[in-house]
Amino acid sequence: MKNRKGLVIASRTVLIMLLVAALVVLGLGLAIVLLGNPPEAGGWLRAIFGKVFAVVAGALAAILGIPAAIGLWAMAGATAEGAVPALPPRARQALAGLAIAAVIVTAVVLVVTGSAARILNLGLLGLVALSSLGLAGGAVFSTHRGRAIVSGVALVLIVVGTAWILNTAFIGSPVQG
């Protein structure tokens, strides 16, 4: 089925983009540590991350890279001749629906809240789309049952994390102290 192969390739491309982003962020963090040259005092990196840029970069690289690696690992062999998805059709449909719903809900929350930092909103939406749709592809197209399940669990964790971030940063009321 040609359409299936195209979707597998699209999912892999999305995951590779996410993995490259993780490697770039990790490289920035390592460069700061190895070169001993933190961002300038008035720079935007310092304003965003302060003195912990390398730690934040490492954590962000893990948040981006681990799901990408899981999804790519799950899709190994998915374009082989006669490849059959390991999960039952209902599970595949549910995981794909969950990923699509996560992207739609994220977009709606970002539009409704009207945040002034549009570039950060677009970045968040892009990361949610890349990770959730990529992991859904890993779960839906994987020919290895265990790998498909791991990808599905990672997808659920991404969706739960996204819901927490959206609630904490955009929906929930600030805590009064």
N, C-alpha and C. Protein backbone atom coordinates (compact mmCIF):
# COMPACT_ATOMS: atom_id res chain seq x y z
N MET A 1 0.84 -1.18 0.00
CA MET A 1 0.00 0.00 0.00
C MET A 1 0.89 1.25 0.00
N LYS A 2 0.81 2.03 -1.07
CA LYS A 2 1.66 3.21 -1.23
C LYS A 2 1.39 4.27 -0.17
N ASN A 3 0.13 4.48 0.17
CA ASN A 3 -0.22 5.50 1.15
C ASN A 3 0.43 5.19 2.50
N ARG A 4 0.45 3.94 2.90
CA ARG A 4 1.06 3.52 4.17
C ARG A 4 2.54 3.84 4.16
N LYS A 5 3.23 3.55 3.08
CA LYS A 5 4.67 3.81 3.00
C LYS A 5 4.94 5.31 3.10
N GLY A 6 4.12 6.11 2.47
CA GLY A 6 4.27 7.56 2.56
C GLY A 6 4.07 8.07 3.97
N LEU A 7 3.09 7.51 4.68
CA LEU A 7 2.85 7.91 6.07
C LEU A 7 4.01 7.49 6.98
N VAL A 8 4.58 6.32 6.73
CA VAL A 8 5.73 5.87 7.51
C VAL A 8 6.91 6.81 7.28
N ILE A 9 7.14 7.17 6.03
CA ILE A 9 8.24 8.08 5.71
C ILE A 9 7.99 9.45 6.36
N ALA A 10 6.76 9.92 6.32
CA ALA A 10 6.43 11.21 6.97
C ALA A 10 6.66 11.13 8.48
N SER A 11 6.25 10.04 9.10
CA SER A 11 6.47 9.87 10.54
C SER A 11 7.95 9.83 10.87
N ARG A 12 8.71 9.13 10.07
CA ARG A 12 10.16 9.07 10.30
C ARG A 12 10.80 10.45 10.13
N THR A 13 10.35 11.18 9.12
CA THR A 13 10.89 12.52 8.89
C THR A 13 10.62 13.43 10.09
N VAL A 14 9.41 13.37 10.61
CA VAL A 14 9.03 14.16 11.79
C VAL A 14 9.92 13.80 12.97
N LEU A 15 10.14 12.52 13.18
CA LEU A 15 10.97 12.08 14.30
C LEU A 15 12.43 12.47 14.11
N ILE A 16 12.91 12.41 12.89
CA ILE A 16 14.29 12.83 12.62
C ILE A 16 14.44 14.33 12.88
N MET A 17 13.43 15.13 12.51
CA MET A 17 13.47 16.56 12.79
C MET A 17 13.54 16.80 14.30
N LEU A 18 12.78 16.03 15.06
CA LEU A 18 12.79 16.16 16.51
C LEU A 18 14.14 15.74 17.08
N LEU A 19 14.71 14.70 16.54
CA LEU A 19 16.03 14.23 17.01
C LEU A 19 17.12 15.25 16.69
N VAL A 20 17.06 15.85 15.51
CA VAL A 20 18.04 16.88 15.14
C VAL A 20 17.91 18.08 16.08
N ALA A 21 16.68 18.48 16.39
CA ALA A 21 16.48 19.59 17.33
C ALA A 21 17.08 19.26 18.69
N ALA A 22 16.91 18.03 19.14
CA ALA A 22 17.48 17.60 20.42
C ALA A 22 19.00 17.67 20.39
N LEU A 23 19.59 17.22 19.29
CA LEU A 23 21.05 17.25 19.18
C LEU A 23 21.59 18.67 19.13
N VAL A 24 20.88 19.58 18.47
CA VAL A 24 21.31 20.98 18.42
C VAL A 24 21.25 21.60 19.81
N VAL A 25 20.17 21.38 20.53
CA VAL A 25 20.04 21.93 21.87
C VAL A 25 21.11 21.35 22.79
N LEU A 26 21.34 20.05 22.68
CA LEU A 26 22.39 19.41 23.47
C LEU A 26 23.76 19.99 23.13
N GLY A 27 24.01 20.21 21.85
CA GLY A 27 25.27 20.81 21.41
C GLY A 27 25.47 22.20 21.99
N LEU A 28 24.40 23.00 22.03
CA LEU A 28 24.49 24.34 22.63
C LEU A 28 24.84 24.24 24.11
N GLY A 29 24.19 23.33 24.80
CA GLY A 29 24.47 23.16 26.22
C GLY A 29 25.89 22.69 26.47
N LEU A 30 26.35 21.73 25.67
CA LEU A 30 27.72 21.23 25.82
C LEU A 30 28.75 22.31 25.48
N ALA A 31 28.44 23.11 24.47
CA ALA A 31 29.36 24.19 24.09
C ALA A 31 29.53 25.17 25.24
N ILE A 32 28.45 25.48 25.93
CA ILE A 32 28.52 26.39 27.06
C ILE A 32 29.41 25.80 28.16
N VAL A 33 29.24 24.51 28.42
CA VAL A 33 30.03 23.87 29.48
C VAL A 33 31.50 23.75 29.07
N LEU A 34 31.74 23.26 27.85
CA LEU A 34 33.11 23.01 27.42
C LEU A 34 33.91 24.28 27.14
N LEU A 35 33.25 25.26 26.57
CA LEU A 35 33.96 26.50 26.23
C LEU A 35 34.04 27.46 27.42
N GLY A 36 33.23 27.20 28.43
CA GLY A 36 33.26 28.06 29.60
C GLY A 36 32.85 29.48 29.28
N ASN A 37 32.05 29.63 28.25
CA ASN A 37 31.65 30.95 27.79
C ASN A 37 30.13 31.04 27.84
N PRO A 38 29.57 31.33 29.02
CA PRO A 38 28.12 31.43 29.10
C PRO A 38 27.60 32.61 28.29
N PRO A 39 26.31 32.62 28.00
CA PRO A 39 25.74 33.74 27.24
C PRO A 39 26.04 35.06 27.93
N GLU A 40 26.17 36.11 27.13
CA GLU A 40 26.48 37.44 27.69
C GLU A 40 25.39 37.87 28.66
N ALA A 41 25.79 38.75 29.57
CA ALA A 41 24.91 39.13 30.68
C ALA A 41 23.57 39.71 30.20
N GLY A 42 23.56 40.43 29.11
CA GLY A 42 22.33 41.05 28.66
C GLY A 42 21.67 40.27 27.53
N GLY A 43 22.17 39.11 27.18
CA GLY A 43 21.65 38.36 26.04
C GLY A 43 20.32 37.69 26.33
N TRP A 44 19.63 37.31 25.28
CA TRP A 44 18.32 36.70 25.45
C TRP A 44 18.41 35.32 26.06
N LEU A 45 19.49 34.58 25.80
CA LEU A 45 19.63 33.26 26.42
C LEU A 45 19.73 33.39 27.94
N ARG A 46 20.50 34.37 28.40
CA ARG A 46 20.65 34.58 29.84
C ARG A 46 19.29 35.00 30.42
N ALA A 47 18.59 35.84 29.70
CA ALA A 47 17.30 36.31 30.20
C ALA A 47 16.31 35.15 30.33
N ILE A 48 16.37 34.21 29.41
CA ILE A 48 15.43 33.09 29.45
C ILE A 48 15.87 32.04 30.45
N PHE A 49 17.14 31.65 30.43
CA PHE A 49 17.59 30.50 31.20
C PHE A 49 18.46 30.84 32.40
N GLY A 50 18.98 32.03 32.48
CA GLY A 50 19.86 32.37 33.59
C GLY A 50 21.14 31.57 33.54
N LYS A 51 21.67 31.23 34.70
CA LYS A 51 22.96 30.54 34.78
C LYS A 51 22.87 29.05 34.55
N VAL A 52 21.68 28.52 34.43
CA VAL A 52 21.52 27.07 34.31
C VAL A 52 21.26 26.63 32.87
N PHE A 53 21.74 27.40 31.91
CA PHE A 53 21.45 27.09 30.52
C PHE A 53 21.85 25.67 30.14
N ALA A 54 23.03 25.20 30.56
CA ALA A 54 23.49 23.87 30.19
C ALA A 54 22.57 22.79 30.75
N VAL A 55 22.09 22.98 31.97
CA VAL A 55 21.17 22.00 32.57
C VAL A 55 19.84 22.00 31.83
N VAL A 56 19.34 23.17 31.55
CA VAL A 56 18.08 23.27 30.81
C VAL A 56 18.24 22.68 29.42
N ALA A 57 19.36 22.94 28.76
CA ALA A 57 19.60 22.40 27.42
C ALA A 57 19.66 20.88 27.45
N GLY A 58 20.32 20.33 28.46
CA GLY A 58 20.39 18.87 28.58
C GLY A 58 19.03 18.25 28.82
N ALA A 59 18.25 18.86 29.68
CA ALA A 59 16.90 18.35 29.95
C ALA A 59 16.01 18.45 28.72
N LEU A 60 16.08 19.58 28.03
CA LEU A 60 15.28 19.76 26.83
C LEU A 60 15.70 18.78 25.74
N ALA A 61 17.00 18.54 25.62
CA ALA A 61 17.48 17.56 24.64
C ALA A 61 16.94 16.17 24.95
N ALA A 62 16.87 15.82 26.22
CA ALA A 62 16.31 14.51 26.60
C ALA A 62 14.81 14.46 26.31
N ILE A 63 14.10 15.55 26.62
CA ILE A 63 12.66 15.59 26.37
C ILE A 63 12.35 15.47 24.89
N LEU A 64 13.20 16.02 24.04
CA LEU A 64 12.99 15.94 22.59
C LEU A 64 13.55 14.64 22.01
N GLY A 65 14.74 14.26 22.46
CA GLY A 65 15.45 13.15 21.84
C GLY A 65 14.95 11.77 22.20
N ILE A 66 14.54 11.58 23.45
CA ILE A 66 14.10 10.24 23.86
C ILE A 66 12.85 9.81 23.10
N PRO A 67 11.80 10.63 23.01
CA PRO A 67 10.64 10.21 22.21
C PRO A 67 10.99 9.97 20.74
N ALA A 68 11.87 10.81 20.20
CA ALA A 68 12.26 10.64 18.80
C ALA A 68 12.97 9.30 18.61
N ALA A 69 13.87 8.96 19.51
CA ALA A 69 14.59 7.69 19.41
C ALA A 69 13.64 6.51 19.57
N ILE A 70 12.69 6.61 20.49
CA ILE A 70 11.72 5.53 20.70
C ILE A 70 10.89 5.33 19.44
N GLY A 71 10.38 6.42 18.87
CA GLY A 71 9.56 6.31 17.65
C GLY A 71 10.34 5.73 16.48
N LEU A 72 11.57 6.18 16.29
CA LEU A 72 12.39 5.65 15.19
C LEU A 72 12.71 4.17 15.41
N TRP A 73 13.00 3.80 16.64
CA TRP A 73 13.27 2.41 16.98
C TRP A 73 12.03 1.55 16.70
N ALA A 74 10.85 2.07 17.05
CA ALA A 74 9.62 1.32 16.85
C ALA A 74 9.33 1.08 15.37
N MET A 75 9.71 2.04 14.52
CA MET A 75 9.37 1.92 13.10
C MET A 75 10.39 1.15 12.27
N ALA A 76 11.38 0.58 12.91
CA ALA A 76 12.37 -0.21 12.15
C ALA A 76 11.65 -1.35 11.42
N GLY A 77 11.83 -1.41 10.16
CA GLY A 77 11.22 -2.46 9.34
C GLY A 77 9.80 -2.18 8.90
N ALA A 78 9.27 -1.01 9.17
CA ALA A 78 7.88 -0.71 8.85
C ALA A 78 7.62 -0.57 7.35
N THR A 79 8.67 -0.30 6.57
CA THR A 79 8.46 -0.17 5.11
C THR A 79 8.88 -1.43 4.35
N ALA A 80 9.24 -2.47 5.07
CA ALA A 80 9.63 -3.72 4.41
C ALA A 80 8.43 -4.31 3.66
N GLU A 81 8.74 -5.04 2.63
CA GLU A 81 7.70 -5.70 1.83
C GLU A 81 6.89 -6.63 2.73
N GLY A 82 5.59 -6.49 2.71
CA GLY A 82 4.71 -7.35 3.50
C GLY A 82 4.66 -7.01 4.98
N ALA A 83 5.14 -5.84 5.36
CA ALA A 83 5.13 -5.44 6.77
C ALA A 83 3.69 -5.27 7.25
N VAL A 84 3.41 -5.83 8.42
CA VAL A 84 2.07 -5.76 8.99
C VAL A 84 2.18 -5.11 10.37
N PRO A 85 1.38 -4.08 10.64
CA PRO A 85 1.43 -3.44 11.95
C PRO A 85 1.14 -4.45 13.07
N ALA A 86 1.85 -4.31 14.18
CA ALA A 86 1.75 -5.28 15.27
C ALA A 86 0.51 -5.08 16.14
N LEU A 87 0.09 -3.83 16.31
CA LEU A 87 -1.04 -3.57 17.19
C LEU A 87 -2.36 -3.80 16.47
N PRO A 88 -3.41 -4.15 17.22
CA PRO A 88 -4.73 -4.32 16.59
C PRO A 88 -5.27 -2.99 16.07
N PRO A 89 -6.17 -3.05 15.11
CA PRO A 89 -6.68 -1.82 14.48
C PRO A 89 -7.26 -0.80 15.48
N ARG A 90 -8.01 -1.25 16.47
CA ARG A 90 -8.61 -0.30 17.44
C ARG A 90 -7.53 0.45 18.22
N ALA A 91 -6.49 -0.25 18.62
CA ALA A 91 -5.40 0.40 19.36
C ALA A 91 -4.70 1.42 18.47
N ARG A 92 -4.48 1.06 17.22
CA ARG A 92 -3.82 1.99 16.28
C ARG A 92 -4.69 3.22 16.07
N GLN A 93 -5.99 3.03 15.92
CA GLN A 93 -6.90 4.16 15.73
C GLN A 93 -6.93 5.05 16.97
N ALA A 94 -6.96 4.44 18.14
CA ALA A 94 -7.01 5.21 19.39
C ALA A 94 -5.74 6.03 19.57
N LEU A 95 -4.58 5.46 19.29
CA LEU A 95 -3.33 6.19 19.44
C LEU A 95 -3.20 7.32 18.43
N ALA A 96 -3.60 7.05 17.19
CA ALA A 96 -3.58 8.12 16.19
C ALA A 96 -4.54 9.24 16.56
N GLY A 97 -5.73 8.88 17.04
CA GLY A 97 -6.70 9.88 17.47
C GLY A 97 -6.20 10.70 18.66
N LEU A 98 -5.52 10.03 19.59
CA LEU A 98 -4.96 10.72 20.75
C LEU A 98 -3.91 11.75 20.31
N ALA A 99 -3.06 11.38 19.38
CA ALA A 99 -2.03 12.30 18.89
C ALA A 99 -2.65 13.49 18.18
N ILE A 100 -3.61 13.24 17.33
CA ILE A 100 -4.28 14.33 16.60
C ILE A 100 -5.02 15.24 17.58
N ALA A 101 -5.70 14.64 18.56
CA ALA A 101 -6.42 15.44 19.56
C ALA A 101 -5.45 16.31 20.36
N ALA A 102 -4.28 15.77 20.70
CA ALA A 102 -3.30 16.56 21.46
C ALA A 102 -2.87 17.79 20.67
N VAL A 103 -2.66 17.63 19.38
CA VAL A 103 -2.24 18.76 18.54
C VAL A 103 -3.37 19.78 18.43
N ILE A 104 -4.59 19.31 18.22
CA ILE A 104 -5.73 20.22 18.08
C ILE A 104 -5.99 20.97 19.38
N VAL A 105 -5.99 20.26 20.50
CA VAL A 105 -6.23 20.91 21.80
C VAL A 105 -5.14 21.94 22.09
N THR A 106 -3.90 21.58 21.80
CA THR A 106 -2.80 22.53 22.01
C THR A 106 -3.01 23.79 21.17
N ALA A 107 -3.35 23.62 19.91
CA ALA A 107 -3.58 24.77 19.03
C ALA A 107 -4.73 25.63 19.55
N VAL A 108 -5.81 25.01 19.96
CA VAL A 108 -6.97 25.76 20.45
C VAL A 108 -6.60 26.53 21.72
N VAL A 109 -5.92 25.88 22.66
CA VAL A 109 -5.53 26.56 23.90
C VAL A 109 -4.62 27.74 23.60
N LEU A 110 -3.67 27.56 22.70
CA LEU A 110 -2.74 28.63 22.38
C LEU A 110 -3.44 29.80 21.69
N VAL A 111 -4.44 29.52 20.86
CA VAL A 111 -5.18 30.59 20.19
C VAL A 111 -6.10 31.31 21.18
N VAL A 112 -6.79 30.54 22.00
CA VAL A 112 -7.77 31.12 22.93
C VAL A 112 -7.11 31.96 24.01
N THR A 113 -5.95 31.55 24.49
CA THR A 113 -5.29 32.30 25.56
C THR A 113 -4.71 33.61 25.06
N GLY A 114 -4.42 33.70 23.77
CA GLY A 114 -3.94 34.95 23.21
C GLY A 114 -2.62 35.42 23.77
N SER A 115 -1.72 34.51 24.05
CA SER A 115 -0.41 34.87 24.60
C SER A 115 0.34 35.80 23.66
N ALA A 116 1.10 36.72 24.24
CA ALA A 116 1.85 37.70 23.46
C ALA A 116 3.09 37.09 22.80
N ALA A 117 3.59 36.01 23.33
CA ALA A 117 4.81 35.37 22.80
C ALA A 117 4.44 34.35 21.72
N ARG A 118 4.03 34.84 20.58
CA ARG A 118 3.55 33.97 19.50
C ARG A 118 4.62 32.99 19.02
N ILE A 119 5.88 33.41 18.96
CA ILE A 119 6.93 32.52 18.48
C ILE A 119 7.11 31.34 19.44
N LEU A 120 6.98 31.59 20.74
CA LEU A 120 7.06 30.50 21.71
C LEU A 120 5.84 29.59 21.60
N ASN A 121 4.68 30.17 21.34
CA ASN A 121 3.48 29.36 21.14
C ASN A 121 3.62 28.46 19.91
N LEU A 122 4.15 29.02 18.82
CA LEU A 122 4.36 28.21 17.62
C LEU A 122 5.39 27.11 17.88
N GLY A 123 6.43 27.45 18.64
CA GLY A 123 7.44 26.45 18.99
C GLY A 123 6.83 25.32 19.81
N LEU A 124 6.02 25.66 20.80
CA LEU A 124 5.36 24.64 21.62
C LEU A 124 4.44 23.78 20.76
N LEU A 125 3.65 24.41 19.91
CA LEU A 125 2.75 23.66 19.04
C LEU A 125 3.55 22.73 18.12
N GLY A 126 4.64 23.23 17.57
CA GLY A 126 5.48 22.39 16.71
C GLY A 126 6.06 21.20 17.45
N LEU A 127 6.55 21.41 18.67
CA LEU A 127 7.11 20.30 19.44
C LEU A 127 6.05 19.27 19.81
N VAL A 128 4.86 19.74 20.16
CA VAL A 128 3.77 18.81 20.47
C VAL A 128 3.40 18.01 19.23
N ALA A 129 3.30 18.69 18.09
CA ALA A 129 2.95 18.00 16.85
C ALA A 129 4.01 16.99 16.45
N LEU A 130 5.28 17.40 16.49
CA LEU A 130 6.36 16.49 16.10
C LEU A 130 6.40 15.26 17.00
N SER A 131 6.36 15.49 18.31
CA SER A 131 6.50 14.35 19.21
C SER A 131 5.27 13.46 19.22
N SER A 132 4.09 14.03 19.29
CA SER A 132 2.89 13.19 19.38
C SER A 132 2.60 12.46 18.06
N LEU A 133 2.68 13.18 16.95
CA LEU A 133 2.40 12.52 15.67
C LEU A 133 3.50 11.53 15.30
N GLY A 134 4.74 11.85 15.63
CA GLY A 134 5.84 10.93 15.37
C GLY A 134 5.72 9.65 16.18
N LEU A 135 5.43 9.78 17.47
CA LEU A 135 5.25 8.59 18.31
C LEU A 135 4.01 7.79 17.90
N ALA A 136 2.97 8.48 17.48
CA ALA A 136 1.79 7.76 16.98
C ALA A 136 2.16 6.95 15.75
N GLY A 137 2.97 7.52 14.88
CA GLY A 137 3.45 6.77 13.72
C GLY A 137 4.24 5.54 14.13
N GLY A 138 5.08 5.71 15.15
CA GLY A 138 5.85 4.57 15.65
C GLY A 138 4.95 3.47 16.17
N ALA A 139 3.91 3.84 16.91
CA ALA A 139 2.99 2.85 17.46
C ALA A 139 2.10 2.23 16.37
N VAL A 140 1.64 3.05 15.46
CA VAL A 140 0.69 2.59 14.45
C VAL A 140 1.36 1.72 13.38
N PHE A 141 2.57 2.06 12.98
CA PHE A 141 3.20 1.36 11.86
C PHE A 141 4.21 0.30 12.27
N SER A 142 4.55 0.22 13.56
CA SER A 142 5.56 -0.73 13.99
C SER A 142 5.14 -2.18 13.72
N THR A 143 6.08 -2.95 13.27
CA THR A 143 5.83 -4.38 13.04
C THR A 143 6.25 -5.20 14.25
N HIS A 144 6.78 -4.55 15.26
CA HIS A 144 7.23 -5.21 16.49
C HIS A 144 6.28 -4.82 17.62
N ARG A 145 5.59 -5.80 18.18
CA ARG A 145 4.57 -5.51 19.19
C ARG A 145 5.14 -4.75 20.39
N GLY A 146 6.24 -5.22 20.94
CA GLY A 146 6.83 -4.57 22.11
C GLY A 146 7.23 -3.13 21.82
N ARG A 147 7.83 -2.91 20.67
CA ARG A 147 8.25 -1.56 20.30
C ARG A 147 7.04 -0.65 20.09
N ALA A 148 5.99 -1.21 19.50
CA ALA A 148 4.77 -0.43 19.29
C ALA A 148 4.16 -0.02 20.62
N ILE A 149 4.19 -0.93 21.58
CA ILE A 149 3.64 -0.63 22.90
C ILE A 149 4.48 0.44 23.60
N VAL A 150 5.80 0.33 23.51
CA VAL A 150 6.67 1.35 24.12
C VAL A 150 6.41 2.71 23.48
N SER A 151 6.25 2.74 22.17
CA SER A 151 5.95 3.99 21.48
C SER A 151 4.59 4.54 21.91
N GLY A 152 3.62 3.67 22.07
CA GLY A 152 2.29 4.09 22.53
C GLY A 152 2.33 4.65 23.94
N VAL A 153 3.09 3.99 24.82
CA VAL A 153 3.22 4.49 26.20
C VAL A 153 3.92 5.85 26.20
N ALA A 154 4.96 5.99 25.39
CA ALA A 154 5.65 7.28 25.29
C ALA A 154 4.70 8.36 24.77
N LEU A 155 3.84 8.01 23.82
CA LEU A 155 2.85 8.95 23.31
C LEU A 155 1.91 9.41 24.43
N VAL A 156 1.43 8.46 25.21
CA VAL A 156 0.54 8.81 26.32
C VAL A 156 1.25 9.73 27.30
N LEU A 157 2.52 9.46 27.60
CA LEU A 157 3.29 10.32 28.50
C LEU A 157 3.46 11.72 27.93
N ILE A 158 3.71 11.81 26.62
CA ILE A 158 3.82 13.13 25.97
C ILE A 158 2.50 13.89 26.07
N VAL A 159 1.40 13.20 25.84
CA VAL A 159 0.09 13.86 25.90
C VAL A 159 -0.22 14.32 27.33
N VAL A 160 0.09 13.48 28.31
CA VAL A 160 -0.13 13.87 29.71
C VAL A 160 0.76 15.07 30.07
N GLY A 161 2.01 15.03 29.65
CA GLY A 161 2.91 16.15 29.90
C GLY A 161 2.44 17.42 29.23
N THR A 162 1.95 17.30 28.01
CA THR A 162 1.42 18.45 27.28
C THR A 162 0.21 19.03 28.00
N ALA A 163 -0.68 18.15 28.47
CA ALA A 163 -1.86 18.61 29.20
C ALA A 163 -1.45 19.34 30.47
N TRP A 164 -0.43 18.83 31.16
CA TRP A 164 0.05 19.48 32.37
C TRP A 164 0.61 20.87 32.06
N ILE A 165 1.43 20.95 31.00
CA ILE A 165 2.01 22.24 30.61
C ILE A 165 0.92 23.23 30.22
N LEU A 166 -0.03 22.79 29.41
CA LEU A 166 -1.11 23.68 28.99
C LEU A 166 -1.92 24.17 30.17
N ASN A 167 -2.22 23.25 31.09
CA ASN A 167 -2.99 23.64 32.27
C ASN A 167 -2.20 24.59 33.16
N THR A 168 -0.94 24.28 33.39
CA THR A 168 -0.13 25.09 34.29
C THR A 168 0.18 26.46 33.72
N ALA A 169 0.54 26.50 32.45
CA ALA A 169 0.99 27.76 31.86
C ALA A 169 -0.10 28.59 31.21
N PHE A 170 -1.17 27.95 30.76
CA PHE A 170 -2.15 28.70 29.96
C PHE A 170 -3.57 28.69 30.52
N ILE A 171 -3.99 27.60 31.13
CA ILE A 171 -5.39 27.47 31.52
C ILE A 171 -5.60 27.78 32.98
N GLY A 172 -4.83 27.13 33.85
CA GLY A 172 -5.00 27.26 35.30
C GLY A 172 -4.77 28.67 35.78
N SER A 173 -5.39 28.98 36.91
CA SER A 173 -5.19 30.30 37.50
C SER A 173 -3.88 30.30 38.28
N PRO A 174 -3.17 31.42 38.26
CA PRO A 174 -1.91 31.48 38.99
C PRO A 174 -2.13 31.31 40.50
N VAL A 175 -1.17 30.67 41.13
CA VAL A 175 -1.24 30.45 42.56
C VAL A 175 -0.91 31.75 43.28
N GLN A 176 -1.76 32.15 44.18
CA GLN A 176 -1.53 33.37 44.95
C GLN A 176 -0.75 33.02 46.20
N GLY A 177 0.37 33.71 46.43
CA GLY A 177 1.21 33.35 47.57
C GLY A 177 1.27 34.34 48.63
